[in-house]
Amino acid sequence: MAKVKIGYLGGCWDLFHVGHLNCIRRAKEQCDYLVVDVTPDEIVFLQKNKYPIIDEKGRLAVVRAIKYVDRAELSGEGRDLGAWKKYGYNILFLSEDHKGKEYYNNLEDEMKELGVEVVYIPYTDGISSTKIRASLQEGKN
């Protein structure tokens, strides 16, 4: 019997755009069941020193509506062992812009010890929530 591939992907998902959709779709193509974590507003603020434009309930509703997502949660457990214990995933998806950074190299080592494959998802060129936010702010001036 084949082992079910459970994937886990975390993110803020603010100002949801085609890059986000591509990321989620690419992750789903590589697993049988995809869990997507939506980072709560307070944790986004701690990580980025700014709040998302779309609040956590709105971002969660959008992610839950995507056909590639089997389960979406607002947990903020991110990439720590709490998420692995809770969901039992065997594939951790990360954005390729994290590849090679010390934290993520260490995370890869930790995941390997648990039997979890780490897969980096390609970034969609030309679009990001940061660029959208900047464009919106320029329009206000």
C-alpha atoms as a PDB file:
ATOM      1  CA  MET A   1       0.000   0.000   0.000  1.00  0.00           C
ATOM      2  CA  ALA A   2       1.387   3.409  -1.008  1.00  0.00           C
ATOM      3  CA  LYS A   3       2.065   5.963   1.689  1.00  0.00           C
ATOM      4  CA  VAL A   4      -0.217   9.014   1.546  1.00  0.00           C
ATOM      5  CA  LYS A   5       1.782  12.152   0.829  1.00  0.00           C
ATOM      6  CA  ILE A   6       0.655  14.885   3.225  1.00  0.00           C
ATOM      7  CA  GLY A   7       1.990  18.320   2.351  1.00  0.00           C
ATOM      8  CA  TYR A   8       2.237  21.370   4.563  1.00  0.00           C
ATOM      9  CA  LEU A   9       2.591  24.947   3.353  1.00  0.00           C
ATOM     10  CA  GLY A  10       2.515  28.019   5.550  1.00  0.00           C
ATOM     11  CA  GLY A  11       2.204  31.666   4.659  1.00  0.00           C
ATOM     12  CA  CYS A  12       0.652  35.033   5.281  1.00  0.00           C
ATOM     13  CA  TRP A  13      -1.348  35.053   2.016  1.00  0.00           C
ATOM     14  CA  ASP A  14      -2.026  38.792   2.215  1.00  0.00           C
ATOM     15  CA  LEU A  15      -3.394  40.504  -0.893  1.00  0.00           C
ATOM     16  CA  PHE A  16      -3.890  37.099  -2.497  1.00  0.00           C
ATOM     17  CA  HIS A  17      -2.514  37.027  -6.047  1.00  0.00           C
ATOM     18  CA  VAL A  18      -1.570  34.623  -8.847  1.00  0.00           C
ATOM     19  CA  GLY A  19       1.840  33.970  -7.267  1.00  0.00           C
ATOM     20  CA  HIS A  20       0.096  32.626  -4.173  1.00  0.00           C
ATOM     21  CA  LEU A  21      -2.206  30.520  -6.317  1.00  0.00           C
ATOM     22  CA  ASN A  22       0.757  29.114  -8.267  1.00  0.00           C
ATOM     23  CA  CYS A  23       2.534  28.225  -5.026  1.00  0.00           C
ATOM     24  CA  ILE A  24      -0.473  26.372  -3.631  1.00  0.00           C
ATOM     25  CA  ARG A  25      -1.160  24.621  -6.947  1.00  0.00           C
ATOM     26  CA  ARG A  26       2.474  23.504  -7.298  1.00  0.00           C
ATOM     27  CA  ALA A  27       2.431  22.133  -3.767  1.00  0.00           C
ATOM     28  CA  LYS A  28      -0.810  20.219  -4.359  1.00  0.00           C
ATOM     29  CA  GLU A  29       0.627  18.676  -7.527  1.00  0.00           C
ATOM     30  CA  GLN A  30       3.246  16.990  -5.324  1.00  0.00           C
ATOM     31  CA  CYS A  31       1.067  15.567  -2.560  1.00  0.00           C
ATOM     32  CA  ASP A  32      -2.207  13.757  -1.942  1.00  0.00           C
ATOM     33  CA  TYR A  33      -3.459  15.993   0.868  1.00  0.00           C
ATOM     34  CA  LEU A  34      -2.425  19.620   1.338  1.00  0.00           C
ATOM     35  CA  VAL A  35      -2.601  21.520   4.615  1.00  0.00           C
ATOM     36  CA  VAL A  36      -2.168  25.285   4.265  1.00  0.00           C
ATOM     37  CA  ASP A  37      -1.426  27.372   7.326  1.00  0.00           C
ATOM     38  CA  VAL A  38      -2.478  31.020   7.442  1.00  0.00           C
ATOM     39  CA  THR A  39      -0.295  33.104   9.740  1.00  0.00           C
ATOM     40  CA  PRO A  40      -2.320  35.106  12.306  1.00  0.00           C
ATOM     41  CA  ASP A  41      -2.169  38.901  12.198  1.00  0.00           C
ATOM     42  CA  GLU A  42      -0.146  39.261  15.421  1.00  0.00           C
ATOM     43  CA  ILE A  43       2.528  36.827  14.255  1.00  0.00           C
ATOM     44  CA  VAL A  44       2.769  38.585  10.873  1.00  0.00           C
ATOM     45  CA  PHE A  45       3.349  41.832  12.772  1.00  0.00           C
ATOM     46  CA  LEU A  46       6.092  40.250  14.880  1.00  0.00           C
ATOM     47  CA  GLN A  47       7.794  38.847  11.759  1.00  0.00           C
ATOM     48  CA  LYS A  48       7.421  41.823   9.411  1.00  0.00           C
ATOM     49  CA  ASN A  49       6.749  44.798  11.711  1.00  0.00           C
ATOM     50  CA  LYS A  50       3.516  45.510   9.820  1.00  0.00           C
ATOM     51  CA  TYR A  51       0.020  44.105   9.843  1.00  0.00           C
ATOM     52  CA  PRO A  52      -1.489  42.444   6.794  1.00  0.00           C
ATOM     53  CA  ILE A  53      -3.930  44.558   4.801  1.00  0.00           C
ATOM     54  CA  ILE A  54      -6.464  41.714   4.769  1.00  0.00           C
ATOM     55  CA  ASP A  55      -7.225  40.436   8.280  1.00  0.00           C
ATOM     56  CA  GLU A  56      -6.633  36.822   9.281  1.00  0.00           C
ATOM     57  CA  LYS A  57     -10.296  35.780   8.970  1.00  0.00           C
ATOM     58  CA  GLY A  58     -10.478  37.136   5.432  1.00  0.00           C
ATOM     59  CA  ARG A  59      -7.184  35.518   4.413  1.00  0.00           C
ATOM     60  CA  LEU A  60      -8.287  32.191   5.894  1.00  0.00           C
ATOM     61  CA  ALA A  61     -11.606  32.353   4.015  1.00  0.00           C
ATOM     62  CA  VAL A  62      -9.799  32.936   0.713  1.00  0.00           C
ATOM     63  CA  VAL A  63      -7.361  30.066   1.265  1.00  0.00           C
ATOM     64  CA  ARG A  64     -10.159  27.696   2.319  1.00  0.00           C
ATOM     65  CA  ALA A  65     -12.006  28.445  -0.935  1.00  0.00           C
ATOM     66  CA  ILE A  66      -9.128  27.289  -3.138  1.00  0.00           C
ATOM     67  CA  LYS A  67      -9.755  23.913  -4.756  1.00  0.00           C
ATOM     68  CA  TYR A  68      -6.160  22.739  -4.241  1.00  0.00           C
ATOM     69  CA  VAL A  69      -6.393  23.124  -0.452  1.00  0.00           C
ATOM     70  CA  ASP A  70      -7.640  20.131   1.510  1.00  0.00           C
ATOM     71  CA  ARG A  71      -7.373  21.812   4.908  1.00  0.00           C
ATOM     72  CA  ALA A  72      -6.628  25.402   5.871  1.00  0.00           C
ATOM     73  CA  GLU A  73      -5.930  26.495   9.415  1.00  0.00           C
ATOM     74  CA  LEU A  74      -5.114  29.694  11.241  1.00  0.00           C
ATOM     75  CA  SER A  75      -2.470  28.334  13.551  1.00  0.00           C
ATOM     76  CA  GLY A  76       0.712  30.309  13.337  1.00  0.00           C
ATOM     77  CA  GLU A  77       2.645  27.143  14.089  1.00  0.00           C
ATOM     78  CA  GLY A  78       4.495  27.806  10.890  1.00  0.00           C
ATOM     79  CA  ARG A  79       7.460  25.596  10.295  1.00  0.00           C
ATOM     80  CA  ASP A  80       8.046  24.383  13.831  1.00  0.00           C
ATOM     81  CA  LEU A  81       7.605  20.905  15.239  1.00  0.00           C
ATOM     82  CA  GLY A  82       4.148  21.784  16.564  1.00  0.00           C
ATOM     83  CA  ALA A  83       2.767  21.827  13.031  1.00  0.00           C
ATOM     84  CA  TRP A  84       4.487  18.545  12.194  1.00  0.00           C
ATOM     85  CA  LYS A  85       3.049  16.885  15.327  1.00  0.00           C
ATOM     86  CA  LYS A  86      -0.425  18.300  14.645  1.00  0.00           C
ATOM     87  CA  TYR A  87      -0.704  17.444  10.948  1.00  0.00           C
ATOM     88  CA  GLY A  88       1.743  14.561  10.496  1.00  0.00           C
ATOM     89  CA  TYR A  89       2.973  15.909   7.181  1.00  0.00           C
ATOM     90  CA  ASN A  90       5.749  14.182   5.270  1.00  0.00           C
ATOM     91  CA  ILE A  91       6.442  16.994   2.797  1.00  0.00           C
ATOM     92  CA  LEU A  92       7.199  20.552   3.887  1.00  0.00           C
ATOM     93  CA  PHE A  93       6.830  23.143   1.134  1.00  0.00           C
ATOM     94  CA  LEU A  94       8.839  26.344   1.314  1.00  0.00           C
ATOM     95  CA  SER A  95       9.235  29.276  -1.046  1.00  0.00           C
ATOM     96  CA  GLU A  96      12.469  29.093  -3.025  1.00  0.00           C
ATOM     97  CA  ASP A  97      13.519  32.519  -1.746  1.00  0.00           C
ATOM     98  CA  HIS A  98      14.305  30.807   1.595  1.00  0.00           C
ATOM     99  CA  LYS A  99      16.704  28.276   0.084  1.00  0.00           C
ATOM    100  CA  GLY A 100      20.259  28.494   1.378  1.00  0.00           C
ATOM    101  CA  LYS A 101      19.463  30.676   4.385  1.00  0.00           C
ATOM    102  CA  GLU A 102      20.898  29.400   7.657  1.00  0.00           C
ATOM    103  CA  TYR A 103      17.542  28.984   9.430  1.00  0.00           C
ATOM    104  CA  TYR A 104      16.137  26.955   6.546  1.00  0.00           C
ATOM    105  CA  ASN A 105      19.287  24.852   6.193  1.00  0.00           C
ATOM    106  CA  ASN A 106      18.875  23.903   9.861  1.00  0.00           C
ATOM    107  CA  LEU A 107      15.172  23.282   9.316  1.00  0.00           C
ATOM    108  CA  GLU A 108      15.969  20.958   6.416  1.00  0.00           C
ATOM    109  CA  ASP A 109      18.268  18.949   8.694  1.00  0.00           C
ATOM    110  CA  GLU A 110      15.574  18.726  11.389  1.00  0.00           C
ATOM    111  CA  MET A 111      12.953  17.628   8.868  1.00  0.00           C
ATOM    112  CA  LYS A 112      15.238  14.950   7.371  1.00  0.00           C
ATOM    113  CA  GLU A 113      15.643  13.454  10.847  1.00  0.00           C
ATOM    114  CA  LEU A 114      11.838  13.193  11.029  1.00  0.00           C
ATOM    115  CA  GLY A 115      11.588  11.648   7.569  1.00  0.00           C
ATOM    116  CA  VAL A 116      10.070  14.807   6.089  1.00  0.00           C
ATOM    117  CA  GLU A 117      11.018  15.860   2.582  1.00  0.00           C
ATOM    118  CA  VAL A 118      11.600  19.586   2.086  1.00  0.00           C
ATOM    119  CA  VAL A 119      10.515  20.911  -1.315  1.00  0.00           C
ATOM    120  CA  TYR A 120      11.156  24.460  -2.471  1.00  0.00           C
ATOM    121  CA  ILE A 121       8.408  25.972  -4.611  1.00  0.00           C
ATOM    122  CA  PRO A 122       9.474  28.371  -7.394  1.00  0.00           C
ATOM    123  CA  TYR A 123       8.543  32.011  -6.990  1.00  0.00           C
ATOM    124  CA  THR A 124       6.285  33.632  -9.579  1.00  0.00           C
ATOM    125  CA  ASP A 125       8.307  36.469 -11.096  1.00  0.00           C
ATOM    126  CA  GLY A 126       6.910  39.958 -11.208  1.00  0.00           C
ATOM    127  CA  ILE A 127       4.277  39.740  -8.468  1.00  0.00           C
ATOM    128  CA  SER A 128       4.314  39.924  -4.689  1.00  0.00           C
ATOM    129  CA  SER A 129       2.183  41.295  -1.898  1.00  0.00           C
ATOM    130  CA  THR A 130       5.002  43.737  -1.134  1.00  0.00           C
ATOM    131  CA  LYS A 131       4.837  45.127  -4.685  1.00  0.00           C
ATOM    132  CA  ILE A 132       1.045  45.359  -4.545  1.00  0.00           C
ATOM    133  CA  ARG A 133       1.188  47.129  -1.182  1.00  0.00           C
ATOM    134  CA  ALA A 134       3.764  49.610  -2.510  1.00  0.00           C
ATOM    135  CA  SER A 135       1.646  50.276  -5.587  1.00  0.00           C
ATOM    136  CA  LEU A 136      -1.409  50.921  -3.416  1.00  0.00           C
ATOM    137  CA  GLN A 137       0.553  53.310  -1.203  1.00  0.00           C
ATOM    138  CA  GLU A 138       1.894  55.193  -4.235  1.00  0.00           C
ATOM    139  CA  GLY A 139      -1.668  55.618  -5.471  1.00  0.00           C
ATOM    140  CA  LYS A 140      -2.657  57.262  -2.196  1.00  0.00           C
ATOM    141  CA  ASN A 141      -0.056  60.041  -2.549  1.00  0.00           C
END
